[in-house]
Amino acid sequence: MHIRRISAIFEKDIKDFMKNMMLLMMPVIPIVLALLYTRIGGGNEEIPIFLIYVIVGTTYSAVTSSTIMTMMAEENEKKTLRGLIQSPASMMDIIIGKSLVTGLITFISLIVSLVIIDIEPFLNFRVILGLLLLFLFFLLLGIGIGLFTKSIAATSVYLMPVMFLFGFTPMIGMLGLDEESIAIQIFDTFPIMQGIEIHDTTSWLPLGIIAIWVVAAAVFMYVCFRKTMTDD
């Protein structure tokens, strides 16, 4: 791992980010959503944890996954990704360098959103650890998808399922499905739902389940990375 190479990748990506209006607008979405939620009950009622996690899921899917996915897809579209992978920069140099911009924007957006609503329930070691694991999951998933996406336009096709399946998972409970149904039981194991579970229990099991999702996303990203390296 070389700091100079990571720094060069970071500087390039921050410049690209500032030029992309679509990416600049994404971090605003969770903040606007948080402002709207504060209007619930005239701003006097406590917002349920599951609604706060809708904002967390929106931040991680619309900001984290979207930003890194778009950056990787842009490299693919410009035919520069293959050259970057074959450069002296290692896999870790590339991933860390590109993730720094995404992480910086994500946590600014998330912290501002949580401060607007109520950050106190998140000032807990287990909860913070859960948020970091969730960030890693959405980041690695976004990198993996971005590696095989051939154009920026195509990212929207992949982003929608990521947002609805993983970002907006808490909203599935509003569809009126039987809580004992197989579908609900499956969705209850999804990362964001396990994040909510951290608040409802003192068990470390939810963190373990999220960690398994992170490992699965890391394997997915690695497979996509190796495929990109070997494709003609």
Protein backbone atom coordinates (compact mmCIF):
# COMPACT_ATOMS: atom_id res chain seq x y z
CA MET A 1 0.00 0.00 0.00
CA HIS A 2 1.52 3.32 -1.10
CA ILE A 3 0.26 6.58 0.41
CA ARG A 4 1.41 8.63 -2.60
CA ARG A 5 -0.57 6.49 -5.07
CA ILE A 6 -3.65 6.53 -2.83
CA SER A 7 -3.36 10.31 -2.52
CA ALA A 8 -3.09 10.71 -6.32
CA ILE A 9 -6.23 8.61 -6.86
CA PHE A 10 -8.07 10.55 -4.13
CA GLU A 11 -7.15 13.95 -5.62
CA LYS A 12 -8.26 12.87 -9.09
CA ASP A 13 -11.58 11.50 -7.82
CA ILE A 14 -12.41 14.54 -5.67
CA LYS A 15 -11.95 16.73 -8.75
CA ASP A 16 -14.18 14.40 -10.80
CA PHE A 17 -16.77 14.41 -8.02
CA MET A 18 -16.94 18.21 -7.90
CA LYS A 19 -17.55 18.31 -11.66
CA ASN A 20 -20.42 15.80 -11.58
CA MET A 21 -23.73 17.52 -10.79
CA MET A 22 -25.58 14.24 -10.29
CA LEU A 23 -23.10 13.09 -7.63
CA LEU A 24 -23.17 16.50 -5.97
CA MET A 25 -26.95 16.26 -5.55
CA MET A 26 -26.98 12.75 -4.02
CA PRO A 27 -25.70 13.76 -0.53
CA VAL A 28 -28.50 16.34 -0.32
CA ILE A 29 -31.25 13.68 -0.59
CA PRO A 30 -30.88 12.21 2.96
CA ILE A 31 -30.61 15.70 4.44
CA VAL A 32 -33.85 16.80 2.74
CA LEU A 33 -35.49 13.55 3.88
CA ALA A 34 -34.36 14.24 7.46
CA LEU A 35 -35.83 17.76 7.31
CA LEU A 36 -39.14 16.32 6.09
CA TYR A 37 -39.19 13.74 8.89
CA THR A 38 -38.77 16.47 11.51
CA ARG A 39 -42.14 17.82 10.34
CA ILE A 40 -43.86 14.60 11.42
CA GLY A 41 -46.14 15.43 14.34
CA GLY A 42 -45.19 19.08 14.13
CA GLY A 43 -41.59 18.23 15.03
CA ASN A 44 -42.55 17.31 18.61
CA GLU A 45 -42.90 13.52 18.29
CA GLU A 46 -39.97 11.14 18.51
CA ILE A 47 -39.19 9.61 15.13
CA PRO A 48 -39.28 5.78 15.16
CA ILE A 49 -35.92 4.04 14.75
CA PHE A 50 -37.08 2.22 11.61
CA LEU A 51 -37.78 5.58 9.90
CA ILE A 52 -34.36 6.89 10.90
CA TYR A 53 -32.85 3.77 9.31
CA VAL A 54 -34.68 4.61 6.10
CA ILE A 55 -32.47 7.72 6.06
CA VAL A 56 -29.40 5.62 6.90
CA GLY A 57 -30.29 3.21 4.08
CA THR A 58 -30.92 6.11 1.70
CA THR A 59 -27.53 7.63 2.57
CA TYR A 60 -25.64 4.39 2.06
CA SER A 61 -27.42 3.40 -1.15
CA ALA A 62 -27.92 6.82 -2.81
CA VAL A 63 -24.59 8.27 -1.69
CA THR A 64 -22.13 5.46 -0.91
CA SER A 65 -23.08 2.85 -3.53
CA SER A 66 -24.10 5.43 -6.14
CA THR A 67 -20.92 7.52 -5.85
CA ILE A 68 -18.41 4.67 -5.99
CA MET A 69 -20.47 2.87 -8.64
CA THR A 70 -20.54 5.96 -10.86
CA MET A 71 -16.82 6.62 -10.42
CA MET A 72 -15.92 3.05 -11.37
CA ALA A 73 -18.36 3.09 -14.31
CA GLU A 74 -16.88 6.38 -15.54
CA GLU A 75 -13.42 4.80 -15.53
CA ASN A 76 -14.88 1.90 -17.53
CA GLU A 77 -16.60 4.21 -19.99
CA LYS A 78 -13.41 6.20 -20.57
CA LYS A 79 -11.42 2.94 -20.90
CA THR A 80 -9.11 4.05 -18.09
CA LEU A 81 -10.10 1.46 -15.46
CA ARG A 82 -8.14 -1.38 -17.08
CA GLY A 83 -5.08 0.85 -17.29
CA LEU A 84 -5.45 1.84 -13.64
CA ILE A 85 -5.73 -1.81 -12.58
CA GLN A 86 -2.63 -2.73 -14.61
CA SER A 87 -0.66 0.24 -13.25
CA PRO A 88 1.85 -0.14 -10.38
CA ALA A 89 -1.00 0.72 -7.97
CA SER A 90 -2.16 -2.37 -6.09
CA MET A 91 -5.76 -3.48 -5.67
CA MET A 92 -5.78 -1.99 -2.15
CA ASP A 93 -4.30 1.32 -3.39
CA ILE A 94 -7.10 1.66 -5.96
CA ILE A 95 -9.92 0.64 -3.62
CA ILE A 96 -8.75 2.81 -0.70
CA GLY A 97 -8.02 5.81 -2.94
CA LYS A 98 -11.45 5.67 -4.56
CA SER A 99 -13.22 4.92 -1.28
CA LEU A 100 -11.84 7.96 0.53
CA VAL A 101 -13.95 10.42 -1.49
CA THR A 102 -17.04 8.25 -1.10
CA GLY A 103 -16.47 7.82 2.64
CA LEU A 104 -15.92 11.55 3.21
CA ILE A 105 -19.12 12.56 1.38
CA THR A 106 -21.14 9.73 2.94
CA PHE A 107 -20.30 10.53 6.54
CA ILE A 108 -20.82 14.28 6.09
CA SER A 109 -24.28 13.59 4.67
CA LEU A 110 -25.10 10.96 7.32
CA ILE A 111 -23.94 13.00 10.31
CA VAL A 112 -25.81 16.12 9.15
CA SER A 113 -28.97 14.04 8.62
CA LEU A 114 -28.74 12.37 12.05
CA VAL A 115 -28.06 15.70 13.80
CA ILE A 116 -31.21 17.13 12.18
CA ILE A 117 -33.32 14.21 13.42
CA ASP A 118 -31.73 12.97 16.65
CA ILE A 119 -28.21 11.62 16.80
CA GLU A 120 -28.43 10.49 20.44
CA PRO A 121 -29.64 6.89 19.72
CA PHE A 122 -26.53 6.45 17.55
CA LEU A 123 -24.01 7.51 20.21
CA ASN A 124 -23.35 3.93 21.21
CA PHE A 125 -20.34 1.72 20.41
CA ARG A 126 -22.40 -1.20 19.04
CA VAL A 127 -24.52 1.13 16.91
CA ILE A 128 -21.48 3.00 15.53
CA LEU A 129 -19.80 -0.32 14.73
CA GLY A 130 -23.00 -1.39 12.96
CA LEU A 131 -23.01 1.82 10.90
CA LEU A 132 -19.38 1.25 9.88
CA LEU A 133 -20.15 -2.34 8.82
CA LEU A 134 -23.18 -1.13 6.85
CA PHE A 135 -20.97 1.44 5.13
CA LEU A 136 -18.48 -1.27 4.15
CA PHE A 137 -21.28 -3.45 2.77
CA PHE A 138 -22.73 -0.71 0.54
CA LEU A 139 -19.23 0.45 -0.49
CA LEU A 140 -18.01 -3.01 -1.53
CA LEU A 141 -21.30 -3.76 -3.28
CA GLY A 142 -21.03 -0.47 -5.20
CA ILE A 143 -17.41 -1.17 -6.20
CA GLY A 144 -18.32 -4.65 -7.43
CA ILE A 145 -21.23 -3.39 -9.54
CA GLY A 146 -19.17 -0.45 -10.84
CA LEU A 147 -16.42 -2.81 -12.02
CA PHE A 148 -18.66 -4.57 -14.54
CA THR A 149 -20.86 -1.57 -15.46
CA LYS A 150 -19.73 -0.34 -18.86
CA SER A 151 -21.24 3.17 -18.76
CA ILE A 152 -22.45 5.83 -16.32
CA ALA A 153 -25.97 5.61 -17.78
CA ALA A 154 -26.13 1.90 -16.93
CA THR A 155 -25.48 2.54 -13.23
CA SER A 156 -29.10 3.66 -12.72
CA VAL A 157 -30.27 0.20 -13.81
CA TYR A 158 -28.25 -1.40 -11.01
CA LEU A 159 -28.72 1.39 -8.45
CA MET A 160 -32.51 1.03 -8.28
CA PRO A 161 -32.44 -2.61 -7.03
CA VAL A 162 -29.70 -1.70 -4.53
CA MET A 163 -31.80 1.17 -3.16
CA PHE A 164 -35.10 -0.73 -2.98
CA LEU A 165 -33.73 -4.08 -1.77
CA PHE A 166 -31.05 -2.85 0.63
CA GLY A 167 -31.61 0.88 1.23
CA PHE A 168 -35.38 0.97 1.72
CA THR A 169 -35.77 -2.45 3.41
CA PRO A 170 -37.55 -1.00 6.50
CA MET A 171 -40.37 0.25 4.23
CA ILE A 172 -41.28 -3.34 3.32
CA GLY A 173 -43.06 -3.63 6.67
CA MET A 174 -45.55 -1.04 5.43
CA LEU A 175 -46.73 -3.32 2.59
CA GLY A 176 -49.04 -5.15 4.96
CA LEU A 177 -47.36 -8.54 4.60
CA ASP A 178 -47.82 -11.15 7.31
CA GLU A 179 -44.92 -10.87 9.76
CA GLU A 180 -44.66 -14.67 9.78
CA SER A 181 -44.34 -14.85 5.98
CA ILE A 182 -41.14 -16.20 4.43
CA ALA A 183 -40.56 -12.92 2.58
CA ILE A 184 -40.58 -10.86 5.79
CA GLN A 185 -38.33 -13.38 7.55
CA ILE A 186 -35.83 -13.17 4.67
CA PHE A 187 -35.87 -9.36 4.59
CA ASP A 188 -35.38 -9.29 8.37
CA THR A 189 -31.90 -10.74 7.80
CA PHE A 190 -30.92 -7.90 5.41
CA PRO A 191 -28.21 -5.47 6.62
CA ILE A 192 -30.37 -2.41 7.40
CA MET A 193 -32.91 -4.54 9.30
CA GLN A 194 -30.08 -5.96 11.38
CA GLY A 195 -28.98 -2.38 12.07
CA ILE A 196 -32.43 -1.74 13.55
CA GLU A 197 -32.14 -4.97 15.53
CA ILE A 198 -29.01 -3.61 17.23
CA HIS A 199 -31.23 -0.98 18.89
CA ASP A 200 -33.80 -3.58 19.98
CA THR A 201 -31.45 -6.07 21.61
CA THR A 202 -28.19 -6.26 23.53
CA SER A 203 -27.08 -9.25 21.46
CA TRP A 204 -24.02 -9.06 19.21
CA LEU A 205 -25.69 -11.40 16.70
CA PRO A 206 -26.99 -8.58 14.43
CA LEU A 207 -23.42 -7.30 14.05
CA GLY A 208 -22.30 -10.82 13.14
CA ILE A 209 -25.00 -11.08 10.47
CA ILE A 210 -24.03 -7.70 9.01
CA ALA A 211 -20.39 -8.85 9.01
CA ILE A 212 -21.42 -11.88 6.94
CA TRP A 213 -23.07 -9.54 4.41
CA VAL A 214 -19.84 -7.50 4.32
CA VAL A 215 -17.78 -10.64 3.61
CA ALA A 216 -20.22 -11.63 0.83
CA ALA A 217 -19.94 -8.15 -0.72
CA ALA A 218 -16.13 -8.33 -0.45
CA VAL A 219 -16.07 -11.69 -2.25
CA PHE A 220 -18.39 -10.27 -4.94
CA MET A 221 -16.11 -7.25 -5.38
CA TYR A 222 -12.98 -9.41 -5.55
CA VAL A 223 -14.50 -11.69 -8.21
CA CYS A 224 -15.48 -8.63 -10.27
CA PHE A 225 -12.00 -7.13 -9.79
CA ARG A 226 -10.26 -10.32 -10.97
CA LYS A 227 -12.62 -10.57 -13.95
CA THR A 228 -11.83 -6.96 -14.93
CA MET A 229 -8.09 -7.73 -14.73
CA THR A 230 -8.36 -10.78 -17.00
CA ASP A 231 -10.93 -9.56 -19.55
CA ASP A 232 -9.55 -8.70 -22.93
